[in-house]
């Protein structure tokens, strides 16, 4: 019997005022201009950027699975996602791609993860704590793995 688990992403309200839309309004600058090159094919009006998804539950899920078999963790994560790409924003499969922390939003950070030689999910820097982090600006609330830092 298969259990339906909650997805590891959530939809964010993108119709509210002040919600930033990265890479938006590109097409309005190009659609009416005459091009010198002939045979240019116009693209569709729909962009390829998918807005309004927050992968914070995925990153918290991955951090909670540190020390587990990577194949099992990856299989469960992919089954609960819309696409597998966000997994590799935080998890490095190669030694050269390892990072202590990853910035996933304007002021949101998560610990970097990697897969070791025994196919186990590990933290890149287990000693990294929110109290050791320094914010780059005073105006924002910065978080590491959901814990606020820099508000002393």
Protein backbone atom coordinates (compact mmCIF):
# COMPACT_ATOMS: atom_id res chain seq x y z
CA UNK A 1 0.00 0.00 0.00
CA UNK A 2 1.56 3.28 -1.12
CA UNK A 3 1.37 6.26 1.19
CA UNK A 4 0.89 9.69 -0.31
CA UNK A 5 3.46 11.98 1.27
CA UNK A 6 3.40 15.74 1.04
CA UNK A 7 5.47 17.29 -1.75
CA UNK A 8 8.86 18.77 -0.86
CA UNK A 9 7.99 22.18 -2.30
CA UNK A 10 5.26 24.72 -1.76
CA UNK A 11 3.60 27.31 -3.90
CA UNK A 12 4.18 30.96 -3.07
CA UNK A 13 1.69 33.73 -3.77
CA UNK A 14 3.09 35.57 -6.78
CA UNK A 15 0.15 37.90 -7.27
CA UNK A 16 0.84 39.87 -4.11
CA UNK A 17 2.45 43.28 -4.36
CA UNK A 18 6.19 43.38 -4.05
CA UNK A 19 6.87 39.78 -5.08
CA UNK A 20 10.01 39.93 -7.21
CA UNK A 21 9.86 38.26 -10.61
CA UNK A 22 13.36 37.51 -11.80
CA UNK A 23 13.97 37.67 -15.52
CA UNK A 24 10.55 39.18 -16.11
CA UNK A 25 9.54 41.70 -18.75
CA UNK A 26 12.21 40.52 -21.20
CA UNK A 27 9.90 40.10 -24.15
CA UNK A 28 8.39 43.59 -24.03
CA UNK A 29 11.72 45.12 -24.99
CA UNK A 30 12.16 43.00 -28.10
CA UNK A 31 8.77 42.32 -29.62
CA UNK A 32 8.20 45.56 -31.56
CA UNK A 33 11.70 46.30 -32.75
CA UNK A 34 12.65 45.67 -36.33
CA UNK A 35 15.57 43.33 -36.69
CA UNK A 36 18.25 43.69 -39.31
CA UNK A 37 18.56 39.95 -39.65
CA UNK A 38 15.96 38.23 -41.74
CA UNK A 39 14.37 34.96 -40.91
CA UNK A 40 14.38 35.53 -37.17
CA UNK A 41 11.88 33.25 -35.49
CA UNK A 42 9.88 34.77 -32.68
CA UNK A 43 9.50 32.73 -29.55
CA UNK A 44 6.35 32.13 -27.61
CA UNK A 45 5.04 34.72 -25.19
CA UNK A 46 5.25 32.23 -22.33
CA UNK A 47 8.52 32.28 -20.48
CA UNK A 48 10.42 29.21 -19.42
CA UNK A 49 10.86 30.46 -15.86
CA UNK A 50 8.55 28.76 -13.42
CA UNK A 51 7.74 31.16 -10.61
CA UNK A 52 6.11 30.71 -7.27
CA UNK A 53 7.78 27.56 -5.91
CA UNK A 54 9.64 27.40 -2.59
CA UNK A 55 11.94 24.42 -2.02
CA UNK A 56 12.63 25.06 1.68
CA UNK A 57 10.89 21.77 2.69
CA UNK A 58 13.23 19.91 0.30
CA UNK A 59 16.36 21.44 1.83
CA UNK A 60 15.16 20.69 5.37
CA UNK A 61 14.34 17.12 4.30
CA UNK A 62 17.84 16.64 2.87
CA UNK A 63 19.52 17.98 6.00
CA UNK A 64 17.42 15.64 8.14
CA UNK A 65 18.67 12.68 6.07
CA UNK A 66 22.40 13.27 6.71
CA UNK A 67 24.10 9.92 7.34
CA UNK A 68 21.58 7.93 5.27
CA UNK A 69 22.11 6.07 2.00
CA UNK A 70 22.08 8.59 -0.88
CA UNK A 71 20.22 6.35 -3.32
CA UNK A 72 17.27 5.95 -0.95
CA UNK A 73 17.20 9.65 -0.05
CA UNK A 74 17.43 10.69 -3.72
CA UNK A 75 14.68 8.27 -4.76
CA UNK A 76 12.29 9.55 -2.09
CA UNK A 77 13.09 13.20 -2.83
CA UNK A 78 12.56 12.82 -6.59
CA UNK A 79 9.23 11.05 -6.02
CA UNK A 80 8.00 14.05 -4.01
CA UNK A 81 9.25 16.82 -6.35
CA UNK A 82 8.04 18.37 -9.59
CA UNK A 83 11.60 18.21 -11.04
CA UNK A 84 14.89 16.85 -9.65
CA UNK A 85 17.06 19.93 -10.32
CA UNK A 86 16.66 21.68 -6.91
CA UNK A 87 18.24 18.71 -5.15
CA UNK A 88 21.58 19.53 -6.71
CA UNK A 89 21.44 23.18 -5.65
CA UNK A 90 22.47 21.91 -2.20
CA UNK A 91 23.94 18.42 -2.79
CA UNK A 92 27.32 18.03 -4.51
CA UNK A 93 28.16 14.73 -6.16
CA UNK A 94 31.78 15.73 -6.92
CA UNK A 95 34.46 16.86 -4.46
CA UNK A 96 35.16 20.01 -6.48
CA UNK A 97 31.50 21.15 -6.22
CA UNK A 98 31.35 21.04 -2.41
CA UNK A 99 30.36 24.28 -0.63
CA UNK A 100 30.08 25.02 3.09
CA UNK A 101 26.76 26.77 2.57
CA UNK A 102 24.46 27.62 -0.32
CA UNK A 103 22.46 30.81 -0.77
CA UNK A 104 18.98 29.92 -2.02
CA UNK A 105 17.23 33.25 -1.62
CA UNK A 106 17.99 36.87 -0.91
CA UNK A 107 18.94 36.14 2.70
CA UNK A 108 18.33 32.41 3.10
CA UNK A 109 21.22 29.97 3.42
CA UNK A 110 21.39 26.20 3.83
CA UNK A 111 24.31 23.97 4.75
CA UNK A 112 26.06 22.37 1.82
CA UNK A 113 25.78 18.62 1.43
CA UNK A 114 27.78 16.03 -0.49
CA UNK A 115 27.77 12.32 -1.21
CA UNK A 116 30.88 10.57 0.15
CA UNK A 117 32.69 7.52 -1.25
CA UNK A 118 30.47 5.10 0.66
CA UNK A 119 27.34 6.65 -0.97
CA UNK A 120 26.26 8.39 2.24
CA UNK A 121 24.83 11.91 2.41
CA UNK A 122 27.10 14.14 4.53
CA UNK A 123 27.35 17.78 5.63
CA UNK A 124 30.19 19.63 3.95
CA UNK A 125 31.02 21.57 7.12
CA UNK A 126 29.43 19.96 10.22
CA UNK A 127 30.78 22.74 12.46
CA UNK A 128 28.91 25.51 10.63
CA UNK A 129 26.34 27.14 12.91
CA UNK A 130 24.05 30.15 12.48
CA UNK A 131 25.87 32.02 15.28
CA UNK A 132 29.11 31.82 13.26
CA UNK A 133 27.61 33.45 10.18
CA UNK A 134 27.85 37.18 9.44
CA UNK A 135 25.06 38.91 7.46
CA UNK A 136 26.05 41.01 4.47
CA UNK A 137 23.49 43.73 5.28
CA UNK A 138 21.69 45.05 8.34
CA UNK A 139 18.24 45.45 6.81
CA UNK A 140 17.35 41.80 6.12
CA UNK A 141 16.64 38.83 8.35
CA UNK A 142 19.24 36.20 7.47
CA UNK A 143 18.72 32.50 8.19
CA UNK A 144 20.88 29.39 8.05
CA UNK A 145 18.86 26.15 7.96
CA UNK A 146 15.87 28.08 9.30
CA UNK A 147 17.72 29.64 12.25
CA UNK A 148 18.07 33.45 12.31
CA UNK A 149 21.58 34.91 12.56
CA UNK A 150 23.08 38.38 12.83
CA UNK A 151 20.40 39.97 15.04
CA UNK A 152 22.41 40.46 18.26
